[in-house]
N, C-alpha and C. Protein backbone atom coordinates (compact mmCIF):
# COMPACT_ATOMS: atom_id res chain seq x y z
N MET A 1 3.39 -36.21 -51.48
CA MET A 1 2.30 -35.33 -51.00
C MET A 1 1.20 -35.68 -51.84
N ASN A 2 -0.01 -35.84 -51.20
CA ASN A 2 -0.97 -35.88 -51.60
C ASN A 2 -2.01 -34.84 -51.54
N ASP A 3 -2.65 -34.75 -53.02
CA ASP A 3 -3.27 -33.48 -53.25
C ASP A 3 -4.83 -32.93 -53.09
N THR A 4 -5.16 -34.38 -52.37
CA THR A 4 -6.24 -34.53 -52.15
C THR A 4 -6.27 -34.63 -50.20
N VAL A 5 -5.29 -34.13 -49.61
CA VAL A 5 -5.54 -34.22 -47.88
C VAL A 5 -4.68 -32.51 -48.04
N TYR A 6 -4.56 -31.90 -46.85
CA TYR A 6 -4.54 -30.40 -46.01
C TYR A 6 -4.82 -30.27 -44.65
N VAL A 7 -3.63 -30.33 -44.05
CA VAL A 7 -3.99 -30.46 -42.87
C VAL A 7 -2.86 -29.10 -42.31
N GLY A 8 -4.04 -28.32 -41.45
CA GLY A 8 -3.84 -26.73 -40.96
C GLY A 8 -3.42 -26.64 -39.60
N ASN A 9 -4.14 -25.23 -39.51
CA ASN A 9 -4.46 -24.45 -37.90
C ASN A 9 -5.39 -23.87 -38.33
N ALA A 10 -6.46 -24.25 -37.89
CA ALA A 10 -7.09 -22.82 -37.60
C ALA A 10 -7.20 -21.45 -37.89
N GLY A 11 -6.42 -21.52 -36.74
CA GLY A 11 -6.00 -20.00 -35.87
C GLY A 11 -5.23 -19.59 -36.98
N LYS A 12 -4.31 -20.02 -37.75
CA LYS A 12 -2.95 -19.34 -38.34
C LYS A 12 -3.87 -19.22 -40.25
N ASP A 13 -4.51 -20.27 -40.46
CA ASP A 13 -5.05 -20.09 -41.31
C ASP A 13 -6.00 -19.00 -41.78
N ALA A 14 -6.79 -18.77 -40.69
CA ALA A 14 -8.16 -17.90 -40.74
C ALA A 14 -7.91 -16.73 -41.02
N THR A 15 -6.18 -16.29 -40.40
CA THR A 15 -5.93 -14.93 -41.51
C THR A 15 -6.10 -14.80 -42.56
N LEU A 16 -5.90 -15.70 -43.02
CA LEU A 16 -5.57 -15.82 -44.71
C LEU A 16 -6.24 -15.29 -45.87
N ASP A 17 -7.64 -15.65 -45.18
CA ASP A 17 -8.82 -15.48 -45.94
C ASP A 17 -9.95 -14.69 -45.22
N ARG A 18 -9.86 -13.69 -44.12
CA ARG A 18 -11.49 -12.88 -43.97
C ARG A 18 -11.40 -14.26 -42.51
N GLY A 19 -10.72 -15.29 -41.83
CA GLY A 19 -11.16 -16.30 -41.35
C GLY A 19 -12.65 -17.75 -41.66
N TRP A 20 -12.21 -17.36 -43.40
CA TRP A 20 -12.72 -18.83 -44.13
C TRP A 20 -11.98 -19.59 -44.25
N LEU A 21 -11.47 -21.34 -44.07
CA LEU A 21 -11.24 -21.72 -44.11
C LEU A 21 -10.74 -22.97 -45.65
N LEU A 22 -12.66 -23.36 -45.81
CA LEU A 22 -13.39 -24.11 -46.84
C LEU A 22 -14.32 -23.49 -47.29
N GLY A 23 -14.38 -23.86 -48.82
CA GLY A 23 -15.15 -22.63 -49.55
C GLY A 23 -15.10 -22.71 -50.96
N HIS A 24 -16.33 -22.29 -51.76
CA HIS A 24 -16.01 -21.92 -52.92
C HIS A 24 -15.29 -20.61 -53.64
N PHE A 25 -14.53 -19.94 -52.63
CA PHE A 25 -13.74 -18.70 -52.61
C PHE A 25 -12.33 -20.19 -53.19
N LYS A 26 -11.56 -21.03 -52.15
CA LYS A 26 -10.35 -21.53 -52.84
C LYS A 26 -10.18 -22.06 -53.64
N ASP A 27 -9.29 -22.02 -54.46
CA ASP A 27 -8.92 -22.31 -55.60
C ASP A 27 -8.92 -24.07 -56.21
N ALA A 28 -10.08 -24.18 -56.84
CA ALA A 28 -9.97 -25.52 -57.82
C ALA A 28 -9.21 -27.00 -57.09
N GLY A 29 -7.72 -26.45 -57.43
CA GLY A 29 -7.36 -28.02 -56.71
C GLY A 29 -6.85 -28.02 -55.34
N ASP A 30 -7.28 -26.67 -54.59
CA ASP A 30 -7.64 -26.91 -53.04
C ASP A 30 -8.79 -28.21 -52.72
N PRO A 31 -7.60 -28.78 -51.48
CA PRO A 31 -8.13 -30.00 -51.15
C PRO A 31 -9.93 -29.07 -49.80
N ARG A 32 -9.58 -27.79 -49.92
CA ARG A 32 -10.21 -26.67 -49.29
C ARG A 32 -11.51 -26.19 -49.93
N HIS A 33 -11.27 -26.66 -51.11
CA HIS A 33 -12.43 -25.54 -52.19
C HIS A 33 -13.78 -26.77 -52.02
N SER A 34 -14.76 -26.26 -51.72
CA SER A 34 -16.11 -26.66 -51.89
C SER A 34 -17.23 -25.90 -52.52
N ASP A 35 -18.82 -26.38 -52.95
CA ASP A 35 -19.21 -25.34 -53.68
C ASP A 35 -20.77 -25.92 -52.84
N ALA A 36 -20.86 -26.74 -51.55
CA ALA A 36 -21.12 -27.36 -50.52
C ALA A 36 -21.43 -26.64 -49.91
N VAL A 37 -20.32 -25.99 -49.69
CA VAL A 37 -19.97 -25.83 -47.42
C VAL A 37 -18.78 -25.11 -47.65
N GLU A 38 -19.11 -23.99 -46.58
CA GLU A 38 -18.47 -23.37 -46.17
C GLU A 38 -18.55 -22.75 -44.95
N ILE A 39 -16.84 -23.19 -44.24
CA ILE A 39 -16.86 -23.12 -42.53
C ILE A 39 -15.74 -21.68 -42.41
N LYS A 40 -15.80 -20.73 -41.30
CA LYS A 40 -15.14 -19.88 -40.93
C LYS A 40 -14.73 -20.38 -39.60
N TRP A 41 -13.76 -20.08 -39.05
CA TRP A 41 -12.70 -19.81 -38.00
C TRP A 41 -12.86 -18.61 -37.73
N GLY A 42 -13.74 -18.05 -36.19
CA GLY A 42 -13.83 -16.45 -36.48
C GLY A 42 -13.42 -16.48 -35.39
N VAL A 43 -11.97 -15.30 -35.12
CA VAL A 43 -12.48 -14.81 -33.69
C VAL A 43 -12.37 -13.70 -33.97
N HIS A 44 -12.87 -12.56 -32.96
CA HIS A 44 -13.44 -11.59 -32.62
C HIS A 44 -13.32 -10.74 -31.54
N PRO A 45 -12.03 -9.94 -30.99
CA PRO A 45 -12.03 -8.64 -29.82
C PRO A 45 -13.33 -8.58 -29.26
N ARG A 46 -13.50 -7.90 -28.00
CA ARG A 46 -14.51 -7.73 -26.92
C ARG A 46 -15.34 -6.25 -27.89
N GLY A 47 -16.56 -6.22 -28.15
CA GLY A 47 -16.79 -5.07 -29.05
C GLY A 47 -17.22 -5.23 -30.35
N ASP A 48 -16.04 -6.77 -30.72
CA ASP A 48 -16.78 -5.96 -32.11
C ASP A 48 -17.92 -6.73 -32.69
N GLU A 49 -18.44 -5.86 -33.96
CA GLU A 49 -19.91 -6.19 -34.61
C GLU A 49 -19.83 -5.83 -36.41
N ARG A 50 -20.57 -6.68 -36.94
CA ARG A 50 -20.81 -6.52 -38.13
C ARG A 50 -21.14 -5.55 -38.34
N ALA A 51 -21.00 -4.79 -39.78
CA ALA A 51 -20.75 -4.12 -40.02
C ALA A 51 -22.70 -2.83 -40.28
N SER A 52 -23.15 -4.06 -41.28
CA SER A 52 -24.23 -3.98 -41.29
C SER A 52 -24.42 -4.99 -41.41
N TRP A 53 -26.39 -5.70 -40.90
CA TRP A 53 -26.49 -6.46 -41.09
C TRP A 53 -26.34 -6.86 -42.66
N VAL A 54 -26.75 -8.51 -42.80
CA VAL A 54 -27.02 -9.08 -43.96
C VAL A 54 -27.95 -9.06 -44.31
N ARG A 55 -28.76 -9.01 -45.44
CA ARG A 55 -29.89 -8.79 -45.90
C ARG A 55 -29.99 -10.03 -47.24
N GLY A 56 -31.27 -10.84 -47.28
CA GLY A 56 -30.89 -11.65 -48.14
C GLY A 56 -30.63 -12.98 -48.34
N GLU A 57 -30.22 -12.87 -47.35
CA GLU A 57 -29.08 -14.60 -47.50
C GLU A 57 -29.77 -15.55 -47.50
N VAL A 58 -28.95 -16.16 -48.13
CA VAL A 58 -29.07 -16.86 -49.95
C VAL A 58 -28.58 -18.52 -49.24
N ARG A 59 -28.02 -18.61 -48.28
CA ARG A 59 -27.14 -19.73 -47.32
C ARG A 59 -28.24 -20.40 -46.14
N THR A 60 -28.00 -21.84 -46.21
CA THR A 60 -28.07 -21.70 -43.77
C THR A 60 -26.91 -21.71 -43.56
N ALA A 61 -27.26 -21.37 -42.35
CA ALA A 61 -26.12 -21.59 -41.32
C ALA A 61 -25.80 -22.26 -39.68
N LEU A 62 -24.94 -22.44 -40.00
CA LEU A 62 -25.52 -23.43 -38.20
C LEU A 62 -23.72 -21.82 -36.92
N LEU A 63 -24.10 -21.77 -36.36
CA LEU A 63 -22.52 -20.34 -35.74
C LEU A 63 -22.90 -21.54 -34.22
N VAL A 64 -21.10 -22.29 -34.08
CA VAL A 64 -21.03 -21.94 -32.71
C VAL A 64 -20.12 -21.89 -31.52
N LEU A 65 -20.68 -21.68 -30.61
CA LEU A 65 -19.38 -21.24 -30.21
C LEU A 65 -18.20 -22.14 -29.63
N ILE A 66 -17.08 -21.23 -29.79
CA ILE A 66 -15.98 -22.32 -29.20
C ILE A 66 -16.08 -21.64 -27.45
N SER A 67 -16.02 -20.15 -27.29
CA SER A 67 -15.10 -19.57 -26.71
C SER A 67 -15.29 -17.69 -26.52
N GLY A 68 -15.90 -17.86 -25.21
CA GLY A 68 -15.94 -15.88 -25.02
C GLY A 68 -17.60 -16.13 -25.18
N ARG A 69 -18.01 -15.02 -25.53
CA ARG A 69 -19.77 -14.61 -25.09
C ARG A 69 -20.36 -13.55 -26.41
N PHE A 70 -20.90 -14.02 -27.53
CA PHE A 70 -21.35 -13.61 -28.73
C PHE A 70 -22.34 -13.84 -29.51
N ARG A 71 -23.65 -12.10 -29.31
CA ARG A 71 -25.33 -12.50 -29.82
C ARG A 71 -24.70 -12.42 -30.63
N VAL A 72 -25.90 -13.31 -31.47
CA VAL A 72 -26.42 -13.29 -32.84
C VAL A 72 -27.98 -12.07 -33.14
N GLU A 73 -28.33 -11.49 -34.12
CA GLU A 73 -29.48 -10.84 -33.92
C GLU A 73 -29.44 -11.43 -34.89
N LEU A 74 -31.23 -11.24 -35.08
CA LEU A 74 -32.07 -11.72 -36.22
C LEU A 74 -33.08 -10.87 -36.03
N PRO A 75 -33.74 -11.18 -36.95
CA PRO A 75 -35.60 -10.35 -37.13
C PRO A 75 -36.24 -10.62 -36.16
N ASP A 76 -36.56 -11.88 -35.53
CA ASP A 76 -37.42 -11.17 -34.47
C ASP A 76 -37.16 -11.79 -33.29
N ARG A 77 -35.50 -11.97 -33.04
CA ARG A 77 -34.74 -12.59 -31.57
C ARG A 77 -33.16 -12.53 -31.70
N SER A 78 -32.51 -11.96 -30.36
CA SER A 78 -31.43 -11.66 -30.11
C SER A 78 -31.03 -13.16 -29.62
N VAL A 79 -30.00 -13.74 -29.79
CA VAL A 79 -29.79 -15.13 -29.42
C VAL A 79 -28.07 -14.83 -29.08
N LEU A 80 -28.21 -14.93 -27.48
CA LEU A 80 -27.01 -15.21 -27.14
C LEU A 80 -26.45 -16.37 -26.47
N LEU A 81 -25.10 -16.28 -26.73
CA LEU A 81 -24.09 -17.40 -26.98
C LEU A 81 -23.18 -17.56 -25.57
N GLU A 82 -22.93 -18.72 -24.56
CA GLU A 82 -22.07 -17.72 -23.82
C GLU A 82 -21.73 -18.84 -22.84
N ARG A 83 -22.38 -20.28 -23.56
CA ARG A 83 -21.16 -21.73 -23.11
C ARG A 83 -20.59 -22.59 -23.78
N GLN A 84 -19.56 -23.07 -23.85
CA GLN A 84 -19.18 -23.51 -24.65
C GLN A 84 -19.93 -24.16 -25.76
N GLY A 85 -20.02 -24.36 -26.83
CA GLY A 85 -20.91 -25.50 -27.64
C GLY A 85 -22.16 -24.60 -27.87
N ASP A 86 -22.90 -24.15 -27.46
CA ASP A 86 -23.89 -22.82 -28.15
C ASP A 86 -23.76 -23.07 -28.86
N TYR A 87 -25.14 -22.58 -29.77
CA TYR A 87 -24.99 -22.20 -31.17
C TYR A 87 -26.53 -22.35 -31.49
N VAL A 88 -26.50 -21.52 -32.82
CA VAL A 88 -27.78 -21.47 -33.89
C VAL A 88 -27.71 -21.37 -35.11
N VAL A 89 -29.04 -22.15 -35.46
CA VAL A 89 -28.58 -21.78 -37.10
C VAL A 89 -29.76 -21.45 -37.39
N TRP A 90 -30.01 -20.92 -38.76
CA TRP A 90 -30.99 -20.37 -39.17
C TRP A 90 -31.16 -19.74 -40.94
N GLY A 91 -31.86 -20.36 -41.07
CA GLY A 91 -32.45 -20.44 -42.97
C GLY A 91 -31.97 -19.72 -43.62
N ARG A 92 -32.28 -20.19 -45.16
CA ARG A 92 -32.28 -19.24 -45.88
C ARG A 92 -33.26 -18.41 -45.71
N GLY A 93 -33.04 -16.85 -45.78
CA GLY A 93 -33.69 -15.79 -46.49
C GLY A 93 -33.55 -15.00 -45.11
N THR A 94 -33.28 -15.52 -44.04
CA THR A 94 -33.17 -15.04 -42.50
C THR A 94 -31.96 -13.36 -42.03
N ASP A 95 -32.53 -12.63 -41.94
CA ASP A 95 -31.31 -11.24 -41.66
C ASP A 95 -30.70 -11.63 -41.09
N HIS A 96 -29.56 -11.60 -40.36
CA HIS A 96 -29.12 -11.65 -39.10
C HIS A 96 -27.29 -10.74 -39.41
N SER A 97 -26.92 -10.29 -38.14
CA SER A 97 -25.93 -9.81 -37.51
C SER A 97 -25.44 -10.06 -36.44
N TRP A 98 -24.16 -9.56 -36.00
CA TRP A 98 -23.91 -9.90 -34.77
C TRP A 98 -22.48 -8.88 -33.57
N PHE A 99 -22.37 -9.58 -33.13
CA PHE A 99 -21.93 -8.27 -31.57
C PHE A 99 -21.15 -9.59 -30.87
N ALA A 100 -19.30 -9.33 -30.32
CA ALA A 100 -19.00 -10.31 -29.51
C ALA A 100 -19.02 -8.91 -28.30
N GLU A 101 -19.38 -9.86 -27.45
CA GLU A 101 -19.47 -9.18 -26.17
C GLU A 101 -18.79 -9.66 -25.05
N GLU A 102 -17.88 -10.35 -25.50
CA GLU A 102 -16.65 -10.90 -25.13
C GLU A 102 -15.21 -10.99 -25.97
N GLU A 103 -13.96 -10.84 -26.29
CA GLU A 103 -13.83 -11.54 -26.88
C GLU A 103 -13.67 -13.24 -27.06
N SER A 104 -14.08 -13.48 -28.19
CA SER A 104 -15.01 -14.50 -28.83
C SER A 104 -14.06 -15.41 -29.77
N VAL A 105 -14.00 -16.93 -30.29
CA VAL A 105 -14.36 -17.55 -31.00
C VAL A 105 -15.19 -18.50 -31.19
N VAL A 106 -15.56 -18.27 -32.62
CA VAL A 106 -16.95 -18.91 -33.04
C VAL A 106 -16.35 -19.73 -34.34
N LEU A 107 -17.47 -21.31 -34.77
CA LEU A 107 -17.13 -21.92 -35.46
C LEU A 107 -18.07 -21.96 -36.61
N THR A 108 -18.05 -21.07 -37.72
CA THR A 108 -19.42 -20.74 -38.63
C THR A 108 -19.31 -21.50 -39.54
N VAL A 109 -20.58 -22.37 -39.85
CA VAL A 109 -20.64 -23.78 -41.22
C VAL A 109 -21.51 -23.36 -41.76
N ARG A 110 -21.59 -22.73 -43.46
CA ARG A 110 -22.70 -22.05 -43.88
C ARG A 110 -23.12 -23.23 -45.29
N TRP A 111 -23.73 -23.11 -45.79
CA TRP A 111 -24.38 -24.25 -47.28
C TRP A 111 -25.24 -23.38 -47.81
N PRO A 112 -25.20 -23.82 -49.78
CA PRO A 112 -24.67 -23.90 -50.22
C PRO A 112 -23.28 -23.26 -50.22
N SER A 113 -22.05 -23.35 -50.98
CA SER A 113 -20.97 -22.57 -50.95
C SER A 113 -21.64 -21.85 -52.57
N VAL A 114 -21.39 -20.27 -52.11
CA VAL A 114 -22.24 -19.52 -53.88
C VAL A 114 -21.17 -18.66 -52.95
N PRO A 115 -21.48 -18.02 -54.46
CA PRO A 115 -20.49 -16.11 -54.30
C PRO A 115 -21.78 -15.51 -53.37
N ALA A 116 -21.75 -14.19 -52.82
CA ALA A 116 -22.14 -13.45 -52.16
C ALA A 116 -22.79 -12.97 -53.55
N GLY A 117 -24.83 -12.57 -53.05
CA GLY A 117 -25.10 -12.03 -54.27
C GLY A 117 -25.48 -12.91 -55.39
N THR A 118 -25.21 -14.22 -55.17
CA THR A 118 -25.89 -15.15 -56.08
C THR A 118 -27.64 -15.21 -55.65
N PRO A 119 -28.06 -15.01 -56.23
CA PRO A 119 -29.75 -14.91 -56.78
C PRO A 119 -29.98 -16.51 -56.72
N GLY A 120 -31.70 -16.64 -56.19
CA GLY A 120 -31.97 -18.07 -56.01
C GLY A 120 -31.55 -18.58 -55.53
N ARG A 121 -30.67 -18.74 -54.32
CA ARG A 121 -29.73 -19.33 -53.61
C ARG A 121 -30.16 -19.68 -52.20
C-alpha cells in the first residue's frame, strides 16, 4: 500500500464529510489533505437550498454542473447552470447562496483550503 495514493468513489466518499473529498480538514497523513485546495462532490435533491448566504467568503470558488439544474445566487446576479459542464467562478469576498431547481450533482473547487472564519484569506 502506498500512503501517497488514495482510490475512492466520489459518491460514496462524499457521504463521509458533507461532500468534501479533499482539503485542510482531512487528516495530515491522508493523500486527500491539502491546504491549497478543497474539492466537493455535492448531491442535492430538488428544492435543496443553502440555509443562509455565505458572507465574507475568503476563498475563490469554481462550481461545475455534472447533472441537473442548479442556480447560484450572487449579490448582483443569479446564474442558472442547466447543461452538463456549465460552470461559474466567483472570487474572494463574493457572498453567495444556491438552490437546486432539479436533483443535481455539482463539483465545487475552492482555494485556498482554510478553516471557516479564517480572517484575511
